[in-house]
């Protein structure tokens, strides 16, 4: 079998390894082809027979039996459009792995909270004697582990990008936590983004359940067929208690764990030992009465609104980075009376000034270290300095983790 992998990030490398292990002839195309040759992992793949193609080289999809698309590469890529016209199969790394998957699968998607929920589910299942592995978006690719699984339940985090190319009916229980503005630099509108998320419905095994939030039903119910009887709310209408996004995440995890046979009291007991992953409203330190929080994973508008909402006291917000096409005016209402100032960084800093400068004090800074110093000078006793960018990190950092770690370092080094 002759296969082309487009994109050699962590997902593409895992797909290439998976295919080489099965005797396929594998080529890969990447815009960084020349520099990737010196990467140790890519060098190993080249030694095993991988053929590396520069993105500027002419490539005909007819040469291949199948194309595996990395999630970061949009379906609008010219080679993908040509492959679709010529009838060459295009799948993603997750779909590639799922075709060899025999284990039970719990899947989670959503604009916000999906990493926390998948890790909570994995923690609870393992604590309850039900071996599980957390794989997928933002962690270990499914293709990297599928051959090593020994009966564990797969808890799979799925992004909209991954769901675009997923079609196998492998999911035993799934959840769509929320769908709020994000990635509108890739999708034409919110319905297009929501349709990608809701593809999970078509990837359920027959008779299995998908849990969705009331927000998803309210905003995108028109995209869900009324005949779908396997869809349930994460939080029932008759639940009268107060809840925030942490509670919603917990409810979703509890629902999905119950589908794997975990009793309510078992979940509650096991969940007490769970530690939320870093970079999600993570407390860093308190200095001169000011609390510093790292929410580098807050890469969209709704995540930032939720982070600001959780702060007790005034907020000096550090925001900005690579824009996603959503704008920032949605922050005006929720921020009034709460956000004292915004320190803007990255490519989006000009947009933040234009869109929010009439309503808030917005200060531009050249880098994150300068932004931390400026925010620290503005904040008073009882205030919070919050890094919650509302943007991707790729203009200044490799990923949100690097951005968050740099923020923590800058905060630690304050006099």
Protein backbone atom coordinates (compact mmCIF):
# COMPACT_ATOMS: atom_id res chain seq x y z
CA UNK A 1 0.00 0.00 0.00
CA UNK A 2 1.33 3.41 -0.97
CA UNK A 3 0.36 6.14 1.55
CA UNK A 4 1.03 9.87 1.79
CA UNK A 5 1.10 11.54 5.21
CA UNK A 6 0.55 15.32 5.10
CA UNK A 7 2.11 17.07 8.08
CA UNK A 8 4.87 15.62 10.24
CA UNK A 9 3.95 16.93 13.66
CA UNK A 10 3.41 14.48 16.51
CA UNK A 11 0.24 13.11 14.89
CA UNK A 12 1.82 12.69 11.44
CA UNK A 13 4.91 10.99 12.85
CA UNK A 14 2.74 8.54 14.75
CA UNK A 15 0.74 7.80 11.60
CA UNK A 16 3.93 7.25 9.58
CA UNK A 17 5.31 4.88 12.23
CA UNK A 18 1.99 3.00 12.37
CA UNK A 19 1.99 2.56 8.58
CA UNK A 20 5.66 1.55 8.34
CA UNK A 21 5.03 -1.08 11.02
CA UNK A 22 2.45 -2.58 8.66
CA UNK A 23 4.74 -2.67 5.65
CA UNK A 24 3.25 0.28 3.81
CA UNK A 25 5.31 2.45 1.48
CA UNK A 26 5.08 5.82 3.19
CA UNK A 27 5.82 9.30 1.89
CA UNK A 28 5.39 12.49 3.90
CA UNK A 29 5.01 16.09 2.87
CA UNK A 30 5.73 18.99 5.21
CA UNK A 31 6.57 22.66 4.77
CA UNK A 32 9.57 22.11 7.07
CA UNK A 33 10.95 19.16 5.08
CA UNK A 34 14.52 20.47 4.89
CA UNK A 35 14.89 21.15 8.62
CA UNK A 36 13.01 18.01 9.70
CA UNK A 37 15.72 15.76 8.29
CA UNK A 38 17.87 16.59 11.32
CA UNK A 39 15.09 15.71 13.79
CA UNK A 40 16.02 12.42 15.55
CA UNK A 41 12.54 10.88 15.26
CA UNK A 42 12.18 11.84 11.59
CA UNK A 43 15.71 10.56 10.95
CA UNK A 44 14.67 7.15 12.33
CA UNK A 45 11.64 7.13 10.06
CA UNK A 46 13.83 8.00 7.07
CA UNK A 47 16.12 5.08 7.97
CA UNK A 48 13.05 2.82 7.96
CA UNK A 49 12.10 3.91 4.45
CA UNK A 50 10.03 7.06 4.84
CA UNK A 51 10.29 9.32 1.81
CA UNK A 52 10.23 13.02 2.72
CA UNK A 53 8.81 15.42 0.13
CA UNK A 54 9.13 19.21 0.16
CA UNK A 55 5.84 21.08 0.03
CA UNK A 56 7.08 22.94 -3.03
CA UNK A 57 7.58 19.70 -4.98
CA UNK A 58 4.82 18.76 -7.43
CA UNK A 59 2.83 15.81 -6.05
CA UNK A 60 -0.05 13.99 -7.72
CA UNK A 61 -2.52 12.26 -5.38
CA UNK A 62 -2.89 9.51 -8.02
CA UNK A 63 0.44 8.12 -6.82
CA UNK A 64 -1.15 7.05 -3.53
CA UNK A 65 -3.77 4.59 -2.37
CA UNK A 66 -4.54 6.66 0.70
CA UNK A 67 -3.71 10.06 2.20
CA UNK A 68 -3.46 10.58 5.97
CA UNK A 69 -4.08 14.18 6.95
CA UNK A 70 -2.64 15.64 10.16
CA UNK A 71 -5.25 17.59 12.18
CA UNK A 72 -3.42 20.89 11.83
CA UNK A 73 -3.71 20.74 8.02
CA UNK A 74 -7.11 22.00 6.81
CA UNK A 75 -9.18 20.06 4.26
CA UNK A 76 -8.85 23.11 2.01
CA UNK A 77 -5.21 22.16 1.34
CA UNK A 78 -4.83 22.08 -2.48
CA UNK A 79 -3.58 18.49 -2.48
CA UNK A 80 -6.60 17.36 -0.46
CA UNK A 81 -9.03 19.11 -2.81
CA UNK A 82 -7.35 17.39 -5.74
CA UNK A 83 -7.43 14.01 -3.96
CA UNK A 84 -11.15 14.41 -3.32
CA UNK A 85 -11.74 15.21 -6.99
CA UNK A 86 -9.84 12.09 -8.04
CA UNK A 87 -11.45 9.77 -5.51
CA UNK A 88 -8.33 9.11 -3.42
CA UNK A 89 -9.27 8.25 0.17
CA UNK A 90 -8.36 10.94 2.72
CA UNK A 91 -8.46 10.04 6.43
CA UNK A 92 -6.92 11.36 9.64
CA UNK A 93 -4.50 9.78 12.09
CA UNK A 94 -7.31 8.93 14.53
CA UNK A 95 -9.37 7.23 11.82
CA UNK A 96 -6.27 5.31 10.72
CA UNK A 97 -5.77 4.00 14.26
CA UNK A 98 -9.47 3.33 14.86
CA UNK A 99 -9.55 0.84 12.00
CA UNK A 100 -7.28 -1.39 14.10
CA UNK A 101 -8.96 -0.66 17.43
CA UNK A 102 -10.84 -3.39 19.32
CA UNK A 103 -11.03 -1.78 22.76
CA UNK A 104 -13.93 0.11 24.31
CA UNK A 105 -13.76 3.84 23.57
CA UNK A 106 -14.97 6.81 25.60
CA UNK A 107 -14.65 10.01 23.57
CA UNK A 108 -14.85 13.66 24.60
CA UNK A 109 -14.97 16.84 22.54
CA UNK A 110 -15.90 20.45 23.19
CA UNK A 111 -14.44 23.91 22.84
CA UNK A 112 -13.37 23.97 26.49
CA UNK A 113 -12.79 21.39 29.20
CA UNK A 114 -12.12 18.31 27.11
CA UNK A 115 -8.60 17.66 28.41
CA UNK A 116 -9.70 18.00 32.02
CA UNK A 117 -12.68 15.70 31.47
CA UNK A 118 -10.70 12.99 29.65
CA UNK A 119 -8.00 13.02 32.33
CA UNK A 120 -10.60 12.89 35.10
CA UNK A 121 -12.29 9.92 33.43
CA UNK A 122 -8.95 8.12 33.06
CA UNK A 123 -8.08 8.82 36.68
CA UNK A 124 -11.43 7.53 37.97
CA UNK A 125 -11.48 4.40 35.80
CA UNK A 126 -7.97 3.39 36.87
CA UNK A 127 -8.74 4.13 40.52
CA UNK A 128 -11.83 1.91 40.25
CA UNK A 129 -9.88 -1.03 38.86
CA UNK A 130 -10.87 -0.48 35.24
CA UNK A 131 -7.57 -0.04 33.32
CA UNK A 132 -7.73 2.94 30.98
CA UNK A 133 -5.42 5.01 28.78
CA UNK A 134 -6.00 8.68 27.95
CA UNK A 135 -5.03 9.33 24.33
CA UNK A 136 -5.75 11.72 21.49
CA UNK A 137 -5.70 15.48 21.05
CA UNK A 138 -3.07 17.35 23.03
CA UNK A 139 -1.45 14.19 24.36
CA UNK A 140 -0.31 10.83 23.04
CA UNK A 141 -1.73 10.12 19.55
CA UNK A 142 -3.99 7.11 19.25
CA UNK A 143 -1.85 5.67 16.43
CA UNK A 144 1.19 5.68 18.74
CA UNK A 145 -0.48 3.37 21.27
CA UNK A 146 -3.05 1.27 19.46
CA UNK A 147 -0.67 -1.68 18.99
CA UNK A 148 0.37 -1.57 22.67
CA UNK A 149 -3.13 -1.68 24.15
CA UNK A 150 -3.94 -4.76 26.21
CA UNK A 151 -7.64 -4.44 26.91
CA UNK A 152 -7.58 -0.97 28.46
CA UNK A 153 -10.52 1.34 27.93
CA UNK A 154 -9.45 4.11 25.55
CA UNK A 155 -10.40 7.57 26.79
CA UNK A 156 -9.97 9.71 23.70
CA UNK A 157 -9.93 13.49 23.53
CA UNK A 158 -11.04 14.62 20.08
CA UNK A 159 -10.72 18.06 18.52
CA UNK A 160 -13.00 19.33 15.76
CA UNK A 161 -10.04 18.89 13.37
CA UNK A 162 -9.77 15.20 14.24
CA UNK A 163 -13.52 14.66 14.01
CA UNK A 164 -13.55 16.11 10.48
CA UNK A 165 -11.82 12.95 9.21
CA UNK A 166 -13.29 10.37 11.61
CA UNK A 167 -15.98 8.00 10.34
CA UNK A 168 -15.50 4.61 12.02
CA UNK A 169 -18.24 3.66 14.49
CA UNK A 170 -15.96 2.89 17.42
CA UNK A 171 -17.28 5.06 20.28
CA UNK A 172 -19.07 3.34 23.18
CA UNK A 173 -19.92 6.58 24.99
CA UNK A 174 -19.21 10.17 24.03
CA UNK A 175 -19.75 13.75 25.14
CA UNK A 176 -19.90 17.16 23.48
CA UNK A 177 -19.23 19.49 26.41
CA UNK A 178 -19.82 22.86 24.75
CA UNK A 179 -19.48 24.65 21.42
CA UNK A 180 -18.46 28.31 21.65
CA UNK A 181 -16.60 30.60 19.21
CA UNK A 182 -13.19 29.23 18.25
CA UNK A 183 -11.16 28.38 15.15
CA UNK A 184 -13.18 30.74 12.96
CA UNK A 185 -10.00 31.27 10.98
CA UNK A 186 -10.59 27.71 9.74
CA UNK A 187 -14.38 27.38 9.70
CA UNK A 188 -16.69 29.59 7.65
CA UNK A 189 -19.11 30.11 10.55
CA UNK A 190 -20.22 28.64 13.88
CA UNK A 191 -22.51 26.10 12.25
CA UNK A 192 -19.59 24.69 10.27
CA UNK A 193 -17.56 24.43 13.47
CA UNK A 194 -20.46 22.82 15.33
CA UNK A 195 -21.03 20.29 12.54
CA UNK A 196 -17.44 19.13 12.93
CA UNK A 197 -17.92 18.62 16.67
CA UNK A 198 -21.26 16.88 16.19
CA UNK A 199 -19.76 14.34 13.79
CA UNK A 200 -19.24 12.32 16.96
CA UNK A 201 -22.89 11.27 16.66
CA UNK A 202 -22.04 9.33 13.50
CA UNK A 203 -19.06 7.63 15.16
CA UNK A 204 -21.05 5.98 17.96
CA UNK A 205 -21.50 2.23 17.97
CA UNK A 206 -25.15 1.29 17.35
CA UNK A 207 -27.29 1.88 20.42
CA UNK A 208 -24.63 3.82 22.32
CA UNK A 209 -25.08 7.20 24.01
CA UNK A 210 -23.86 10.72 23.34
CA UNK A 211 -24.12 13.23 26.18
CA UNK A 212 -24.39 16.90 25.26
CA UNK A 213 -24.71 20.08 27.29
CA UNK A 214 -27.84 22.18 27.32
CA UNK A 215 -25.81 24.95 25.65
CA UNK A 216 -25.15 22.68 22.68
CA UNK A 217 -28.84 21.79 22.38
CA UNK A 218 -29.94 25.41 22.75
CA UNK A 219 -27.45 26.81 20.22
CA UNK A 220 -27.06 23.96 17.75
CA UNK A 221 -30.06 21.70 18.22
CA UNK A 222 -31.08 22.54 14.66
CA UNK A 223 -28.08 20.51 13.48
CA UNK A 224 -29.18 17.39 15.37
CA UNK A 225 -31.83 15.12 13.94
CA UNK A 226 -34.98 14.82 16.06
CA UNK A 227 -34.84 11.07 15.48
CA UNK A 228 -31.64 10.76 17.52
CA UNK A 229 -32.87 8.96 20.65
CA UNK A 230 -29.34 8.19 21.87
CA UNK A 231 -28.61 11.80 22.90
CA UNK A 232 -28.92 12.80 26.56
CA UNK A 233 -28.19 16.00 28.46
CA UNK A 234 -25.05 16.09 30.60
CA UNK A 235 -27.01 17.94 33.30
CA UNK A 236 -30.71 17.17 33.47
CA UNK A 237 -33.25 20.00 33.34
CA UNK A 238 -34.49 19.10 36.81
CA UNK A 239 -31.07 19.66 38.41
CA UNK A 240 -31.58 22.78 40.52
CA UNK A 241 -28.17 23.12 42.13
CA UNK A 242 -25.70 25.87 41.28
CA UNK A 243 -23.02 24.78 38.86
CA UNK A 244 -20.14 26.32 36.95
CA UNK A 245 -17.88 24.91 34.26
CA UNK A 246 -15.95 22.78 36.78
CA UNK A 247 -19.23 21.19 37.87
CA UNK A 248 -20.25 20.66 34.25
CA UNK A 249 -16.94 18.91 33.57
CA UNK A 250 -17.48 16.69 36.61
CA UNK A 251 -21.04 15.83 35.57
CA UNK A 252 -19.86 14.88 32.09
CA UNK A 253 -17.07 12.68 33.45
CA UNK A 254 -19.50 11.02 35.86
CA UNK A 255 -21.99 10.27 33.09
CA UNK A 256 -19.31 8.70 30.90
CA UNK A 257 -17.80 6.70 33.75
CA UNK A 258 -21.24 5.35 34.60
CA UNK A 259 -21.44 3.98 31.05
CA UNK A 260 -18.28 2.01 31.89
CA UNK A 261 -19.88 0.57 35.02
CA UNK A 262 -18.61 3.00 37.68
CA UNK A 263 -21.13 3.60 40.46
CA UNK A 264 -21.91 7.14 41.63
CA UNK A 265 -20.27 6.69 45.04
CA UNK A 266 -17.21 5.08 43.42
CA UNK A 267 -16.82 8.07 41.12
CA UNK A 268 -17.16 10.59 43.96
CA UNK A 269 -14.56 8.79 46.04
CA UNK A 270 -12.05 8.39 43.20
CA UNK A 271 -12.51 11.95 41.89
CA UNK A 272 -11.34 13.40 45.21
CA UNK A 273 -7.76 12.47 44.31
CA UNK A 274 -7.81 14.08 40.86
CA UNK A 275 -5.48 17.01 40.16
CA UNK A 276 -6.52 19.25 37.27
CA UNK A 277 -3.85 19.55 34.54
CA UNK A 278 -1.70 22.71 34.56
CA UNK A 279 -2.27 25.92 32.55
CA UNK A 280 -5.99 25.95 33.37
CA UNK A 281 -6.64 28.77 35.88
CA UNK A 282 -3.57 27.50 37.71
CA UNK A 283 -2.58 29.47 40.81
CA UNK A 284 1.09 30.50 40.59
CA UNK A 285 1.81 32.67 43.64
CA UNK A 286 0.62 35.55 45.79
CA UNK A 287 2.87 38.61 45.91
CA UNK A 288 2.17 41.85 47.77
CA UNK A 289 -1.49 40.88 48.07
CA UNK A 290 -1.85 40.16 44.32
CA UNK A 291 -2.69 36.63 43.11
CA UNK A 292 -1.21 35.40 39.83
CA UNK A 293 -3.01 32.80 37.70
CA UNK A 294 -1.80 30.91 34.63
CA UNK A 295 -4.66 30.14 32.22
CA UNK A 296 -2.51 29.75 29.10
CA UNK A 297 -4.94 27.07 27.86
CA UNK A 298 -7.60 29.79 27.66
CA UNK A 299 -7.25 30.12 23.90
CA UNK A 300 -10.79 31.22 23.00
CA UNK A 301 -13.28 33.88 24.05
CA UNK A 302 -15.47 31.72 26.25
CA UNK A 303 -12.55 30.21 28.16
CA UNK A 304 -11.32 33.71 29.05
CA UNK A 305 -14.79 34.81 30.14
CA UNK A 306 -15.01 31.81 32.45
CA UNK A 307 -11.55 32.43 33.89
CA UNK A 308 -12.38 36.09 34.62
CA UNK A 309 -15.67 35.02 36.18
CA UNK A 310 -13.84 32.75 38.62
CA UNK A 311 -11.54 35.49 39.90
CA UNK A 312 -12.41 37.01 43.28
CA UNK A 313 -11.47 40.68 43.13
CA UNK A 314 -10.34 42.91 40.30
CA UNK A 315 -8.50 41.48 37.28
CA UNK A 316 -5.55 42.71 35.27
CA UNK A 317 -5.77 40.50 32.20
CA UNK A 318 -2.85 39.56 29.98
CA UNK A 319 -4.31 38.60 26.59
CA UNK A 320 -3.29 38.23 22.97
CA UNK A 321 -1.39 35.98 20.63
CA UNK A 322 -2.34 34.59 17.25
CA UNK A 323 -5.94 35.52 16.42
CA UNK A 324 -8.57 32.93 15.51
CA UNK A 325 -10.99 35.13 13.61
CA UNK A 326 -13.43 35.63 16.50
CA UNK A 327 -12.72 39.25 17.47
CA UNK A 328 -12.88 40.42 21.08
CA UNK A 329 -15.99 42.60 21.45
CA UNK A 330 -17.85 39.73 23.20
CA UNK A 331 -15.70 40.45 26.23
CA UNK A 332 -17.04 43.96 26.80
CA UNK A 333 -20.18 43.05 28.77
CA UNK A 334 -18.73 40.26 30.95
CA UNK A 335 -15.56 42.27 31.74
CA UNK A 336 -17.24 45.50 32.90
CA UNK A 337 -16.81 46.10 36.61
CA UNK A 338 -14.35 43.19 36.83
CA UNK A 339 -11.38 43.83 34.52
CA UNK A 340 -9.31 46.85 35.57
CA UNK A 341 -6.91 46.74 32.61
CA UNK A 342 -5.82 44.55 29.70
CA UNK A 343 -2.16 44.09 28.82
CA UNK A 344 -2.05 43.09 25.14
CA UNK A 345 0.68 40.95 23.58
CA UNK A 346 1.39 39.16 20.32
CA UNK A 347 -0.11 39.60 16.88
CA UNK A 348 -3.54 40.38 18.35
CA UNK A 349 -2.45 43.36 20.44
CA UNK A 350 -3.54 45.90 17.79
CA UNK A 351 -6.98 44.28 17.54
CA UNK A 352 -7.36 44.32 21.31
CA UNK A 353 -6.64 48.04 21.39
CA UNK A 354 -9.04 48.79 18.50
CA UNK A 355 -11.91 46.66 19.77
CA UNK A 356 -11.63 47.18 23.54
CA UNK A 357 -9.67 50.40 23.96
CA UNK A 358 -12.76 52.59 24.28
CA UNK A 359 -14.12 50.48 27.15
CA UNK A 360 -10.99 49.42 29.05
CA UNK A 361 -7.46 50.55 29.69
CA UNK A 362 -5.48 48.51 27.12
CA UNK A 363 -1.69 48.61 27.19
CA UNK A 364 0.46 47.04 24.48
CA UNK A 365 3.63 45.18 25.44
CA UNK A 366 6.30 43.61 23.25
CA UNK A 367 6.62 40.29 25.11
CA UNK A 368 5.24 38.28 28.00
CA UNK A 369 7.96 39.26 30.47
CA UNK A 370 7.21 42.96 29.94
CA UNK A 371 3.47 42.22 30.17
CA UNK A 372 3.90 40.55 33.57
CA UNK A 373 5.87 43.52 34.88
CA UNK A 374 3.28 46.00 33.59
CA UNK A 375 0.36 43.99 34.97
CA UNK A 376 2.14 43.75 38.32
CA UNK A 377 2.55 47.53 38.45
CA UNK A 378 -1.18 48.07 37.83
CA UNK A 379 -2.59 45.45 40.21
CA UNK A 380 -3.36 46.41 43.81
CA UNK A 381 -3.79 44.41 47.00
CA UNK A 382 -6.68 41.97 46.47
CA UNK A 383 -6.43 42.01 42.67
CA UNK A 384 -5.52 39.18 40.31
CA UNK A 385 -3.08 39.11 37.41
CA UNK A 386 -4.51 36.59 34.97
CA UNK A 387 -2.84 35.23 31.86
CA UNK A 388 -5.78 34.07 29.75
CA UNK A 389 -4.86 34.94 26.17
CA UNK A 390 -8.00 34.15 24.17
CA UNK A 391 -5.64 33.39 21.28
CA UNK A 392 -3.36 30.66 19.99
CA UNK A 393 0.28 30.73 21.09
CA UNK A 394 2.03 30.09 17.78
CA UNK A 395 3.07 33.68 17.07
CA UNK A 396 5.41 33.73 20.08
CA UNK A 397 5.64 30.18 21.47
CA UNK A 398 5.67 26.55 20.35
CA UNK A 399 2.45 25.81 22.23
CA UNK A 400 0.29 26.94 25.13
CA UNK A 401 2.39 24.89 27.58
CA UNK A 402 5.55 26.81 26.70
CA UNK A 403 3.63 30.08 27.04
CA UNK A 404 2.25 29.09 30.45
CA UNK A 405 5.61 27.91 31.74
CA UNK A 406 7.23 31.16 30.62
CA UNK A 407 4.52 33.13 32.41
CA UNK A 408 5.14 31.19 35.62
CA UNK A 409 8.86 31.83 35.31
CA UNK A 410 8.27 35.56 34.80
CA UNK A 411 5.99 35.70 37.83
CA UNK A 412 8.51 33.81 39.97
CA UNK A 413 11.24 36.27 39.01
CA UNK A 414 9.29 39.37 40.04
CA UNK A 415 11.15 41.28 42.77
